[in-house]
Amino acid sequence: MLTVYGIKQCDTCRKALKWLTVQGIEHHFHDFRVDGLQPETLAQWLASPFAALLVNRRSTTWRQLSDMQRQSTGDALLALLLEHPTLIKRPVFVANQVIAVGFRPDELEGLLT
């Protein structure tokens, strides 16, 4: 089953969830803030080909970080993302592994149909 990770208040997540419902694609939504995020799950994402896309460098939270925090890699980046889940670009689509980061309907249609 497809799991969509994000934040319920995120407009992009809401658009993605609505799109999945309209397309008839079965999915489960996992809210970072409500359900949390396991370090092991995030570590798998950071080890995936999508790792470079995971950090939302346009977020308010990103702009509030120090230069040192913005340069985090490895375990420091993992800890930073766990502490500030709004730094994770949303939504993250997972079906056994990460298949997409961010909502691009054309890309998802090709992956999910």
C-alpha atoms as a PDB file:
ATOM      1  CA  MET A   1       0.000   0.000   0.000  1.00  0.00           C
ATOM      2  CA  LEU A   2       1.055   3.564  -0.676  1.00  0.00           C
ATOM      3  CA  THR A   3       1.855   5.668   2.384  1.00  0.00           C
ATOM      4  CA  VAL A   4       1.874   9.435   2.062  1.00  0.00           C
ATOM      5  CA  TYR A   5       3.961  11.222   4.695  1.00  0.00           C
ATOM      6  CA  GLY A   6       3.365  14.874   5.420  1.00  0.00           C
ATOM      7  CA  ILE A   7       1.528  17.365   7.583  1.00  0.00           C
ATOM      8  CA  LYS A   8      -2.258  17.606   7.510  1.00  0.00           C
ATOM      9  CA  GLN A   9      -2.194  21.434   7.411  1.00  0.00           C
ATOM     10  CA  CYS A  10       0.094  21.462   4.360  1.00  0.00           C
ATOM     11  CA  ASP A  11      -1.757  22.648   1.234  1.00  0.00           C
ATOM     12  CA  THR A  12       0.383  20.478  -1.034  1.00  0.00           C
ATOM     13  CA  CYS A  13      -0.358  17.390   1.064  1.00  0.00           C
ATOM     14  CA  ARG A  14      -4.078  18.134   0.930  1.00  0.00           C
ATOM     15  CA  LYS A  15      -3.923  18.514  -2.871  1.00  0.00           C
ATOM     16  CA  ALA A  16      -2.012  15.241  -3.182  1.00  0.00           C
ATOM     17  CA  LEU A  17      -4.451  13.346  -0.951  1.00  0.00           C
ATOM     18  CA  LYS A  18      -7.432  14.705  -2.876  1.00  0.00           C
ATOM     19  CA  TRP A  19      -5.770  13.739  -6.167  1.00  0.00           C
ATOM     20  CA  LEU A  20      -5.088  10.191  -4.936  1.00  0.00           C
ATOM     21  CA  THR A  21      -8.718   9.822  -3.838  1.00  0.00           C
ATOM     22  CA  VAL A  22     -10.035  11.079  -7.192  1.00  0.00           C
ATOM     23  CA  GLN A  23      -7.678   8.676  -8.997  1.00  0.00           C
ATOM     24  CA  GLY A  24      -8.960   5.804  -6.852  1.00  0.00           C
ATOM     25  CA  ILE A  25      -5.476   5.031  -5.529  1.00  0.00           C
ATOM     26  CA  GLU A  26      -5.581   3.368  -2.123  1.00  0.00           C
ATOM     27  CA  HIS A  27      -3.319   5.118   0.347  1.00  0.00           C
ATOM     28  CA  HIS A  28      -2.616   5.797   4.001  1.00  0.00           C
ATOM     29  CA  PHE A  29      -1.675   9.254   5.313  1.00  0.00           C
ATOM     30  CA  HIS A  30       1.010   9.537   8.015  1.00  0.00           C
ATOM     31  CA  ASP A  31       1.130  12.948   9.699  1.00  0.00           C
ATOM     32  CA  PHE A  32       4.646  13.807  10.958  1.00  0.00           C
ATOM     33  CA  ARG A  33       3.309  15.961  13.752  1.00  0.00           C
ATOM     34  CA  VAL A  34       0.607  13.578  14.995  1.00  0.00           C
ATOM     35  CA  ASP A  35       2.140  10.172  14.254  1.00  0.00           C
ATOM     36  CA  GLY A  36       5.801  11.101  14.592  1.00  0.00           C
ATOM     37  CA  LEU A  37       8.607   9.849  12.399  1.00  0.00           C
ATOM     38  CA  GLN A  38      10.892   6.952  13.252  1.00  0.00           C
ATOM     39  CA  PRO A  39      14.646   7.597  12.924  1.00  0.00           C
ATOM     40  CA  GLU A  40      15.003   4.329  10.990  1.00  0.00           C
ATOM     41  CA  THR A  41      12.435   5.448   8.421  1.00  0.00           C
ATOM     42  CA  LEU A  42      14.104   8.808   7.927  1.00  0.00           C
ATOM     43  CA  ALA A  43      17.536   7.142   7.689  1.00  0.00           C
ATOM     44  CA  GLN A  44      16.203   4.940   4.851  1.00  0.00           C
ATOM     45  CA  TRP A  45      14.919   8.018   3.053  1.00  0.00           C
ATOM     46  CA  LEU A  46      18.273   9.757   3.433  1.00  0.00           C
ATOM     47  CA  ALA A  47      19.973   6.684   1.969  1.00  0.00           C
ATOM     48  CA  SER A  48      17.627   6.665  -1.047  1.00  0.00           C
ATOM     49  CA  PRO A  49      18.154   8.354  -4.427  1.00  0.00           C
ATOM     50  CA  PHE A  50      15.644  10.988  -3.223  1.00  0.00           C
ATOM     51  CA  ALA A  51      17.844  12.216  -0.343  1.00  0.00           C
ATOM     52  CA  ALA A  52      18.770  15.469  -2.088  1.00  0.00           C
ATOM     53  CA  LEU A  53      15.081  16.334  -2.476  1.00  0.00           C
ATOM     54  CA  LEU A  54      14.105  15.732   1.154  1.00  0.00           C
ATOM     55  CA  VAL A  55      15.221  19.043   2.673  1.00  0.00           C
ATOM     56  CA  ASN A  56      12.800  21.899   2.070  1.00  0.00           C
ATOM     57  CA  ARG A  57      15.172  24.819   1.636  1.00  0.00           C
ATOM     58  CA  ARG A  58      12.286  27.224   0.999  1.00  0.00           C
ATOM     59  CA  SER A  59      10.644  26.755   4.384  1.00  0.00           C
ATOM     60  CA  THR A  60      10.465  29.324   7.158  1.00  0.00           C
ATOM     61  CA  THR A  61      12.165  26.824   9.437  1.00  0.00           C
ATOM     62  CA  TRP A  62      15.136  26.548   7.029  1.00  0.00           C
ATOM     63  CA  ARG A  63      15.593  30.321   6.993  1.00  0.00           C
ATOM     64  CA  GLN A  64      15.692  30.340  10.804  1.00  0.00           C
ATOM     65  CA  LEU A  65      18.542  27.813  11.012  1.00  0.00           C
ATOM     66  CA  SER A  66      22.136  28.809  11.609  1.00  0.00           C
ATOM     67  CA  ASP A  67      24.662  28.408   8.795  1.00  0.00           C
ATOM     68  CA  MET A  68      26.180  25.492  10.682  1.00  0.00           C
ATOM     69  CA  GLN A  69      22.805  23.719  10.884  1.00  0.00           C
ATOM     70  CA  ARG A  70      22.177  24.294   7.170  1.00  0.00           C
ATOM     71  CA  GLN A  71      25.430  22.475   6.383  1.00  0.00           C
ATOM     72  CA  SER A  72      24.448  19.373   8.371  1.00  0.00           C
ATOM     73  CA  THR A  73      25.045  15.955   6.845  1.00  0.00           C
ATOM     74  CA  GLY A  74      24.775  12.356   8.014  1.00  0.00           C
ATOM     75  CA  ASP A  75      23.612  11.846  11.596  1.00  0.00           C
ATOM     76  CA  ALA A  76      23.462  15.599  12.225  1.00  0.00           C
ATOM     77  CA  LEU A  77      21.045  16.036   9.312  1.00  0.00           C
ATOM     78  CA  LEU A  78      18.974  13.098  10.544  1.00  0.00           C
ATOM     79  CA  ALA A  79      18.735  14.663  14.012  1.00  0.00           C
ATOM     80  CA  LEU A  80      17.884  18.070  12.541  1.00  0.00           C
ATOM     81  CA  LEU A  81      15.044  16.643  10.419  1.00  0.00           C
ATOM     82  CA  LEU A  82      13.679  14.669  13.350  1.00  0.00           C
ATOM     83  CA  GLU A  83      13.742  17.796  15.517  1.00  0.00           C
ATOM     84  CA  HIS A  84      12.178  19.956  12.774  1.00  0.00           C
ATOM     85  CA  PRO A  85       9.963  17.718  10.580  1.00  0.00           C
ATOM     86  CA  THR A  86       8.714  20.796   8.698  1.00  0.00           C
ATOM     87  CA  LEU A  87      12.149  20.804   7.031  1.00  0.00           C
ATOM     88  CA  ILE A  88      11.115  17.672   5.124  1.00  0.00           C
ATOM     89  CA  LYS A  89       9.744  18.475   1.687  1.00  0.00           C
ATOM     90  CA  ARG A  90       6.188  17.236   1.521  1.00  0.00           C
ATOM     91  CA  PRO A  91       4.576  14.978   0.685  1.00  0.00           C
ATOM     92  CA  VAL A  92       6.825  11.927   0.645  1.00  0.00           C
ATOM     93  CA  PHE A  93       5.299   8.954  -1.186  1.00  0.00           C
ATOM     94  CA  VAL A  94       6.426   5.514  -0.025  1.00  0.00           C
ATOM     95  CA  ALA A  95       5.546   2.083  -1.388  1.00  0.00           C
ATOM     96  CA  ASN A  96       8.130  -0.258   0.185  1.00  0.00           C
ATOM     97  CA  GLN A  97      10.642   2.506  -0.579  1.00  0.00           C
ATOM     98  CA  VAL A  98      10.495   6.208  -1.423  1.00  0.00           C
ATOM     99  CA  ILE A  99       9.027   6.613  -4.890  1.00  0.00           C
ATOM    100  CA  ALA A 100       8.522  10.404  -5.002  1.00  0.00           C
ATOM    101  CA  VAL A 101       9.093  13.569  -2.982  1.00  0.00           C
ATOM    102  CA  GLY A 102       6.804  16.526  -3.599  1.00  0.00           C
ATOM    103  CA  PHE A 103       3.523  16.502  -5.496  1.00  0.00           C
ATOM    104  CA  ARG A 104       3.772  16.339  -9.277  1.00  0.00           C
ATOM    105  CA  PRO A 105       0.620  14.624 -10.616  1.00  0.00           C
ATOM    106  CA  ASP A 106       2.146  13.722 -14.019  1.00  0.00           C
ATOM    107  CA  GLU A 107       5.087  11.962 -12.370  1.00  0.00           C
ATOM    108  CA  LEU A 108       2.869  10.153  -9.868  1.00  0.00           C
ATOM    109  CA  GLU A 109       0.418   9.020 -12.511  1.00  0.00           C
ATOM    110  CA  GLY A 110       3.235   7.229 -14.334  1.00  0.00           C
ATOM    111  CA  LEU A 111       4.476   5.613 -11.121  1.00  0.00           C
ATOM    112  CA  LEU A 112       1.142   4.572  -9.621  1.00  0.00           C
ATOM    113  CA  THR A 113      -0.958   3.482 -12.587  1.00  0.00           C
END
